[in-house]
Amino acid sequence: MSECKLDHTPEDVQKKYEQQREFLPEDMNPLFESFFRQDHTQDLLNEVFHLLKKFDLASDEERTERVSRLYLVLKNV
């Protein structure tokens, strides 16, 4: 994934999640619900946004890596 200089708001992240939700593992939904009820650092918001960005277009290998990273982030916030 390329580096982005934009800071993404919690609303940006939630919108991106809603766009990609159908492509994510179903058991990730409650983790995201919990994530969105909390405040997060800008770095974390940006990371989650970019893990979700174009998730539907990623290769199977890339999706697997992103899902692993998302689980790591979502289970540890």
PDB file of N, CA and C in Angstrom:
ATOM      1  N   MET A   1       0.848  -1.183   0.000  1.00  0.00           N
ATOM      2  CA  MET A   1       0.000   0.000   0.000  1.00  0.00           C
ATOM      3  C   MET A   1       0.886   1.236   0.000  1.00  0.00           C
ATOM      4  N   SER A   2       0.470   2.216  -0.716  1.00  0.00           N
ATOM      5  CA  SER A   2       1.259   3.430  -0.805  1.00  0.00           C
ATOM      6  C   SER A   2       0.990   4.334   0.392  1.00  0.00           C
ATOM      7  N   GLU A   3       1.965   5.174   0.661  1.00  0.00           N
ATOM      8  CA  GLU A   3       1.820   6.127   1.753  1.00  0.00           C
ATOM      9  C   GLU A   3       0.911   7.262   1.317  1.00  0.00           C
ATOM     10  N   CYS A   4       0.125   7.753   2.261  1.00  0.00           N
ATOM     11  CA  CYS A   4      -0.804   8.839   1.994  1.00  0.00           C
ATOM     12  C   CYS A   4      -0.546   9.929   3.014  1.00  0.00           C
ATOM     13  N   LYS A   5      -0.560  11.154   2.566  1.00  0.00           N
ATOM     14  CA  LYS A   5      -0.290  12.275   3.452  1.00  0.00           C
ATOM     15  C   LYS A   5      -1.565  12.852   4.068  1.00  0.00           C
ATOM     16  N   LEU A   6      -2.722  12.320   3.708  1.00  0.00           N
ATOM     17  CA  LEU A   6      -3.985  12.816   4.250  1.00  0.00           C
ATOM     18  C   LEU A   6      -4.281  12.192   5.605  1.00  0.00           C
ATOM     19  N   ASP A   7      -4.852  12.988   6.480  1.00  0.00           N
ATOM     20  CA  ASP A   7      -5.353  12.467   7.744  1.00  0.00           C
ATOM     21  C   ASP A   7      -6.830  12.166   7.577  1.00  0.00           C
ATOM     22  N   HIS A   8      -7.218  10.958   7.959  1.00  0.00           N
ATOM     23  CA  HIS A   8      -8.593  10.524   7.774  1.00  0.00           C
ATOM     24  C   HIS A   8      -9.353  10.640   9.093  1.00  0.00           C
ATOM     25  N   THR A   9     -10.551  11.167   9.016  1.00  0.00           N
ATOM     26  CA  THR A   9     -11.401  11.335  10.195  1.00  0.00           C
ATOM     27  C   THR A   9     -12.041   9.996  10.561  1.00  0.00           C
ATOM     28  N   PRO A  10     -12.571   9.904  11.779  1.00  0.00           N
ATOM     29  CA  PRO A  10     -13.326   8.689  12.125  1.00  0.00           C
ATOM     30  C   PRO A  10     -14.483   8.446  11.155  1.00  0.00           C
ATOM     31  N   GLU A  11     -15.093   9.521  10.681  1.00  0.00           N
ATOM     32  CA  GLU A  11     -16.199   9.389   9.713  1.00  0.00           C
ATOM     33  C   GLU A  11     -15.702   8.825   8.391  1.00  0.00           C
ATOM     34  N   ASP A  12     -14.507   9.237   7.953  1.00  0.00           N
ATOM     35  CA  ASP A  12     -13.910   8.683   6.729  1.00  0.00           C
ATOM     36  C   ASP A  12     -13.713   7.177   6.879  1.00  0.00           C
ATOM     37  N   VAL A  13     -13.184   6.784   8.021  1.00  0.00           N
ATOM     38  CA  VAL A  13     -12.910   5.366   8.267  1.00  0.00           C
ATOM     39  C   VAL A  13     -14.213   4.571   8.296  1.00  0.00           C
ATOM     40  N   GLN A  14     -15.220   5.120   8.953  1.00  0.00           N
ATOM     41  CA  GLN A  14     -16.506   4.418   9.035  1.00  0.00           C
ATOM     42  C   GLN A  14     -17.142   4.294   7.649  1.00  0.00           C
ATOM     43  N   LYS A  15     -17.063   5.340   6.864  1.00  0.00           N
ATOM     44  CA  LYS A  15     -17.613   5.291   5.502  1.00  0.00           C
ATOM     45  C   LYS A  15     -16.882   4.238   4.664  1.00  0.00           C
ATOM     46  N   LYS A  16     -15.558   4.207   4.780  1.00  0.00           N
ATOM     47  CA  LYS A  16     -14.771   3.220   4.030  1.00  0.00           C
ATOM     48  C   LYS A  16     -15.123   1.806   4.495  1.00  0.00           C
ATOM     49  N   TYR A  17     -15.309   1.640   5.796  1.00  0.00           N
ATOM     50  CA  TYR A  17     -15.722   0.336   6.325  1.00  0.00           C
ATOM     51  C   TYR A  17     -17.064  -0.089   5.729  1.00  0.00           C
ATOM     52  N   GLU A  18     -18.023   0.819   5.708  1.00  0.00           N
ATOM     53  CA  GLU A  18     -19.353   0.498   5.159  1.00  0.00           C
ATOM     54  C   GLU A  18     -19.244   0.095   3.688  1.00  0.00           C
ATOM     55  N   GLN A  19     -18.346   0.738   2.950  1.00  0.00           N
ATOM     56  CA  GLN A  19     -18.168   0.403   1.527  1.00  0.00           C
ATOM     57  C   GLN A  19     -17.568  -0.992   1.341  1.00  0.00           C
ATOM     58  N   GLN A  20     -16.733  -1.413   2.274  1.00  0.00           N
ATOM     59  CA  GLN A  20     -16.001  -2.685   2.124  1.00  0.00           C
ATOM     60  C   GLN A  20     -16.547  -3.810   2.992  1.00  0.00           C
ATOM     61  N   ARG A  21     -17.535  -3.504   3.805  1.00  0.00           N
ATOM     62  CA  ARG A  21     -18.055  -4.441   4.800  1.00  0.00           C
ATOM     63  C   ARG A  21     -18.396  -5.819   4.229  1.00  0.00           C
ATOM     64  N   GLU A  22     -19.034  -5.851   3.086  1.00  0.00           N
ATOM     65  CA  GLU A  22     -19.460  -7.131   2.519  1.00  0.00           C
ATOM     66  C   GLU A  22     -18.287  -8.020   2.111  1.00  0.00           C
ATOM     67  N   PHE A  23     -17.100  -7.444   1.984  1.00  0.00           N
ATOM     68  CA  PHE A  23     -15.923  -8.209   1.569  1.00  0.00           C
ATOM     69  C   PHE A  23     -15.081  -8.681   2.760  1.00  0.00           C
ATOM     70  N   LEU A  24     -15.436  -8.215   3.957  1.00  0.00           N
ATOM     71  CA  LEU A  24     -14.686  -8.546   5.171  1.00  0.00           C
ATOM     72  C   LEU A  24     -15.311  -9.754   5.866  1.00  0.00           C
ATOM     73  N   PRO A  25     -14.520 -10.471   6.680  1.00  0.00           N
ATOM     74  CA  PRO A  25     -15.096 -11.584   7.438  1.00  0.00           C
ATOM     75  C   PRO A  25     -16.225 -11.075   8.337  1.00  0.00           C
ATOM     76  N   GLU A  26     -17.297 -11.824   8.405  1.00  0.00           N
ATOM     77  CA  GLU A  26     -18.478 -11.408   9.160  1.00  0.00           C
ATOM     78  C   GLU A  26     -18.189 -11.203  10.648  1.00  0.00           C
ATOM     79  N   ASP A  27     -17.300 -12.016  11.195  1.00  0.00           N
ATOM     80  CA  ASP A  27     -17.002 -11.887  12.628  1.00  0.00           C
ATOM     81  C   ASP A  27     -16.200 -10.623  12.955  1.00  0.00           C
ATOM     82  N   MET A  28     -15.819  -9.885  11.946  1.00  0.00           N
ATOM     83  CA  MET A  28     -15.105  -8.627  12.152  1.00  0.00           C
ATOM     84  C   MET A  28     -16.087  -7.479  12.457  1.00  0.00           C
ATOM     85  N   ASN A  29     -17.347  -7.641  12.098  1.00  0.00           N
ATOM     86  CA  ASN A  29     -18.332  -6.568  12.287  1.00  0.00           C
ATOM     87  C   ASN A  29     -18.436  -6.079  13.734  1.00  0.00           C
ATOM     88  N   PRO A  30     -18.568  -6.957  14.726  1.00  0.00           N
ATOM     89  CA  PRO A  30     -18.640  -6.461  16.108  1.00  0.00           C
ATOM     90  C   PRO A  30     -17.358  -5.748  16.543  1.00  0.00           C
ATOM     91  N   LEU A  31     -16.225  -6.176  16.006  1.00  0.00           N
ATOM     92  CA  LEU A  31     -14.965  -5.519  16.340  1.00  0.00           C
ATOM     93  C   LEU A  31     -14.950  -4.092  15.812  1.00  0.00           C
ATOM     94  N   PHE A  32     -15.452  -3.911  14.612  1.00  0.00           N
ATOM     95  CA  PHE A  32     -15.536  -2.557  14.056  1.00  0.00           C
ATOM     96  C   PHE A  32     -16.544  -1.714  14.828  1.00  0.00           C
ATOM     97  N   GLU A  33     -17.654  -2.302  15.227  1.00  0.00           N
ATOM     98  CA  GLU A  33     -18.647  -1.553  16.003  1.00  0.00           C
ATOM     99  C   GLU A  33     -18.016  -1.019  17.283  1.00  0.00           C
ATOM    100  N   SER A  34     -17.249  -1.848  17.937  1.00  0.00           N
ATOM    101  CA  SER A  34     -16.552  -1.437  19.148  1.00  0.00           C
ATOM    102  C   SER A  34     -15.498  -0.371  18.834  1.00  0.00           C
ATOM    103  N   PHE A  35     -14.772  -0.570  17.755  1.00  0.00           N
ATOM    104  CA  PHE A  35     -13.745   0.380  17.329  1.00  0.00           C
ATOM    105  C   PHE A  35     -14.338   1.776  17.137  1.00  0.00           C
ATOM    106  N   PHE A  36     -15.491   1.843  16.507  1.00  0.00           N
ATOM    107  CA  PHE A  36     -16.091   3.141  16.201  1.00  0.00           C
ATOM    108  C   PHE A  36     -16.692   3.837  17.425  1.00  0.00           C
ATOM    109  N   ARG A  37     -16.837   3.136  18.517  1.00  0.00           N
ATOM    110  CA  ARG A  37     -17.334   3.753  19.755  1.00  0.00           C
ATOM    111  C   ARG A  37     -16.216   4.388  20.575  1.00  0.00           C
ATOM    112  N   GLN A  38     -14.984   4.226  20.125  1.00  0.00           N
ATOM    113  CA  GLN A  38     -13.830   4.721  20.862  1.00  0.00           C
ATOM    114  C   GLN A  38     -13.128   5.843  20.094  1.00  0.00           C
ATOM    115  N   ASP A  39     -12.297   6.578  20.820  1.00  0.00           N
ATOM    116  CA  ASP A  39     -11.427   7.569  20.183  1.00  0.00           C
ATOM    117  C   ASP A  39     -10.095   6.912  19.875  1.00  0.00           C
ATOM    118  N   HIS A  40      -9.497   7.315  18.744  1.00  0.00           N
ATOM    119  CA  HIS A  40      -8.234   6.710  18.323  1.00  0.00           C
ATOM    120  C   HIS A  40      -7.264   7.767  17.845  1.00  0.00           C
ATOM    121  N   THR A  41      -5.994   7.408  17.871  1.00  0.00           N
ATOM    122  CA  THR A  41      -4.964   8.313  17.367  1.00  0.00           C
ATOM    123  C   THR A  41      -5.124   8.482  15.859  1.00  0.00           C
ATOM    124  N   GLN A  42      -4.587   9.568  15.366  1.00  0.00           N
ATOM    125  CA  GLN A  42      -4.638   9.817  13.927  1.00  0.00           C
ATOM    126  C   GLN A  42      -3.918   8.718  13.159  1.00  0.00           C
ATOM    127  N   ASP A  43      -2.795   8.267  13.681  1.00  0.00           N
ATOM    128  CA  ASP A  43      -2.043   7.202  13.012  1.00  0.00           C
ATOM    129  C   ASP A  43      -2.872   5.922  12.877  1.00  0.00           C
ATOM    130  N   LEU A  44      -3.596   5.592  13.924  1.00  0.00           N
ATOM    131  CA  LEU A  44      -4.416   4.382  13.883  1.00  0.00           C
ATOM    132  C   LEU A  44      -5.581   4.536  12.907  1.00  0.00           C
ATOM    133  N   LEU A  45      -6.220   5.687  12.920  1.00  0.00           N
ATOM    134  CA  LEU A  45      -7.301   5.941  11.962  1.00  0.00           C
ATOM    135  C   LEU A  45      -6.785   5.820  10.530  1.00  0.00           C
ATOM    136  N   ASN A  46      -5.641   6.405  10.264  1.00  0.00           N
ATOM    137  CA  ASN A  46      -5.064   6.345   8.920  1.00  0.00           C
ATOM    138  C   ASN A  46      -4.728   4.904   8.532  1.00  0.00           C
ATOM    139  N   GLU A  47      -4.170   4.153   9.472  1.00  0.00           N
ATOM    140  CA  GLU A  47      -3.812   2.767   9.176  1.00  0.00           C
ATOM    141  C   GLU A  47      -5.044   1.934   8.827  1.00  0.00           C
ATOM    142  N   VAL A  48      -6.086   2.046   9.638  1.00  0.00           N
ATOM    143  CA  VAL A  48      -7.305   1.266   9.383  1.00  0.00           C
ATOM    144  C   VAL A  48      -7.929   1.694   8.052  1.00  0.00           C
ATOM    145  N   PHE A  49      -7.961   2.989   7.786  1.00  0.00           N
ATOM    146  CA  PHE A  49      -8.504   3.465   6.514  1.00  0.00           C
ATOM    147  C   PHE A  49      -7.774   2.805   5.347  1.00  0.00           C
ATOM    148  N   HIS A  50      -6.456   2.792   5.402  1.00  0.00           N
ATOM    149  CA  HIS A  50      -5.687   2.255   4.277  1.00  0.00           C
ATOM    150  C   HIS A  50      -5.729   0.733   4.192  1.00  0.00           C
ATOM    151  N   LEU A  51      -5.975   0.064   5.303  1.00  0.00           N
ATOM    152  CA  LEU A  51      -6.199  -1.382   5.237  1.00  0.00           C
ATOM    153  C   LEU A  51      -7.528  -1.686   4.555  1.00  0.00           C
ATOM    154  N   LEU A  52      -8.501  -0.810   4.734  1.00  0.00           N
ATOM    155  CA  LEU A  52      -9.817  -0.992   4.110  1.00  0.00           C
ATOM    156  C   LEU A  52      -9.865  -0.512   2.666  1.00  0.00           C
ATOM    157  N   LYS A  53      -9.055   0.476   2.344  1.00  0.00           N
ATOM    158  CA  LYS A  53      -9.100   1.103   1.021  1.00  0.00           C
ATOM    159  C   LYS A  53      -8.855   0.066  -0.083  1.00  0.00           C
ATOM    160  N   LYS A  54      -9.779   0.005  -1.024  1.00  0.00           N
ATOM    161  CA  LYS A  54      -9.709  -0.903  -2.175  1.00  0.00           C
ATOM    162  C   LYS A  54      -9.539  -2.370  -1.751  1.00  0.00           C
ATOM    163  N   PHE A  55     -10.059  -2.713  -0.576  1.00  0.00           N
ATOM    164  CA  PHE A  55      -9.985  -4.090  -0.094  1.00  0.00           C
ATOM    165  C   PHE A  55     -10.608  -5.043  -1.099  1.00  0.00           C
ATOM    166  N   ASP A  56     -11.721  -4.627  -1.688  1.00  0.00           N
ATOM    167  CA  ASP A  56     -12.438  -5.470  -2.649  1.00  0.00           C
ATOM    168  C   ASP A  56     -11.625  -5.755  -3.903  1.00  0.00           C
ATOM    169  N   LEU A  57     -10.653  -4.926  -4.198  1.00  0.00           N
ATOM    170  CA  LEU A  57      -9.841  -5.099  -5.405  1.00  0.00           C
ATOM    171  C   LEU A  57      -8.520  -5.811  -5.135  1.00  0.00           C
ATOM    172  N   ALA A  58      -8.219  -6.058  -3.877  1.00  0.00           N
ATOM    173  CA  ALA A  58      -6.943  -6.674  -3.506  1.00  0.00           C
ATOM    174  C   ALA A  58      -6.927  -8.153  -3.890  1.00  0.00           C
ATOM    175  N   SER A  59      -5.717  -8.652  -4.134  1.00  0.00           N
ATOM    176  CA  SER A  59      -5.556 -10.084  -4.410  1.00  0.00           C
ATOM    177  C   SER A  59      -5.884 -10.874  -3.147  1.00  0.00           C
ATOM    178  N   ASP A  60      -6.097 -12.169  -3.300  1.00  0.00           N
ATOM    179  CA  ASP A  60      -6.395 -13.019  -2.147  1.00  0.00           C
ATOM    180  C   ASP A  60      -5.284 -12.940  -1.107  1.00  0.00           C
ATOM    181  N   GLU A  61      -4.049 -12.938  -1.569  1.00  0.00           N
ATOM    182  CA  GLU A  61      -2.901 -12.861  -0.656  1.00  0.00           C
ATOM    183  C   GLU A  61      -2.897 -11.526   0.093  1.00  0.00           C
ATOM    184  N   GLU A  62      -3.142 -10.448  -0.623  1.00  0.00           N
ATOM    185  CA  GLU A  62      -3.190  -9.118  -0.013  1.00  0.00           C
ATOM    186  C   GLU A  62      -4.351  -9.022   0.979  1.00  0.00           C
ATOM    187  N   ARG A  63      -5.494  -9.582   0.631  1.00  0.00           N
ATOM    188  CA  ARG A  63      -6.646  -9.577   1.547  1.00  0.00           C
ATOM    189  C   ARG A  63      -6.321 -10.313   2.840  1.00  0.00           C
ATOM    190  N   THR A  64      -5.669 -11.459   2.711  1.00  0.00           N
ATOM    191  CA  THR A  64      -5.296 -12.242   3.886  1.00  0.00           C
ATOM    192  C   THR A  64      -4.387 -11.432   4.805  1.00  0.00           C
ATOM    193  N   GLU A  65      -3.427 -10.746   4.230  1.00  0.00           N
ATOM    194  CA  GLU A  65      -2.520  -9.911   5.022  1.00  0.00           C
ATOM    195  C   GLU A  65      -3.279  -8.763   5.695  1.00  0.00           C
ATOM    196  N   ARG A  66      -4.168  -8.137   4.958  1.00  0.00           N
ATOM    197  CA  ARG A  66      -4.936  -7.019   5.516  1.00  0.00           C
ATOM    198  C   ARG A  66      -5.876  -7.478   6.625  1.00  0.00           C
ATOM    199  N   VAL A  67      -6.530  -8.627   6.427  1.00  0.00           N
ATOM    200  CA  VAL A  67      -7.426  -9.161   7.447  1.00  0.00           C
ATOM    201  C   VAL A  67      -6.634  -9.458   8.718  1.00  0.00           C
ATOM    202  N   SER A  68      -5.477 -10.048   8.585  1.00  0.00           N
ATOM    203  CA  SER A  68      -4.644 -10.345   9.750  1.00  0.00           C
ATOM    204  C   SER A  68      -4.281  -9.071  10.490  1.00  0.00           C
ATOM    205  N   ARG A  69      -3.894  -8.058   9.751  1.00  0.00           N
ATOM    206  CA  ARG A  69      -3.521  -6.782  10.373  1.00  0.00           C
ATOM    207  C   ARG A  69      -4.740  -6.115  11.023  1.00  0.00           C
ATOM    208  N   LEU A  70      -5.873  -6.167  10.347  1.00  0.00           N
ATOM    209  CA  LEU A  70      -7.098  -5.591  10.926  1.00  0.00           C
ATOM    210  C   LEU A  70      -7.476  -6.287  12.224  1.00  0.00           C
ATOM    211  N   TYR A  71      -7.416  -7.622  12.249  1.00  0.00           N
ATOM    212  CA  TYR A  71      -7.710  -8.340  13.488  1.00  0.00           C
ATOM    213  C   TYR A  71      -6.753  -7.904  14.595  1.00  0.00           C
ATOM    214  N   LEU A  72      -5.490  -7.792  14.264  1.00  0.00           N
ATOM    215  CA  LEU A  72      -4.497  -7.387  15.257  1.00  0.00           C
ATOM    216  C   LEU A  72      -4.844  -6.013  15.831  1.00  0.00           C
ATOM    217  N   VAL A  73      -5.175  -5.080  14.964  1.00  0.00           N
ATOM    218  CA  VAL A  73      -5.517  -3.719  15.400  1.00  0.00           C
ATOM    219  C   VAL A  73      -6.826  -3.710  16.191  1.00  0.00           C
ATOM    220  N   LEU A  74      -7.860  -4.323  15.648  1.00  0.00           N
ATOM    221  CA  LEU A  74      -9.185  -4.252  16.256  1.00  0.00           C
ATOM    222  C   LEU A  74      -9.281  -4.982  17.597  1.00  0.00           C
ATOM    223  N   LYS A  75      -8.513  -6.028  17.761  1.00  0.00           N
ATOM    224  CA  LYS A  75      -8.558  -6.779  19.011  1.00  0.00           C
ATOM    225  C   LYS A  75      -7.686  -6.170  20.098  1.00  0.00           C
ATOM    226  N   ASN A  76      -6.879  -5.184  19.732  1.00  0.00           N
ATOM    227  CA  ASN A  76      -5.936  -4.603  20.693  1.00  0.00           C
ATOM    228  C   ASN A  76      -6.169  -3.126  20.954  1.00  0.00           C
ATOM    229  N   VAL A  77      -7.334  -2.618  20.607  1.00  0.00           N
ATOM    230  CA  VAL A  77      -7.637  -1.203  20.894  1.00  0.00           C
ATOM    231  C   VAL A  77      -8.556  -1.105  22.097  1.00  0.00           C
TER     232      VAL A  77
END
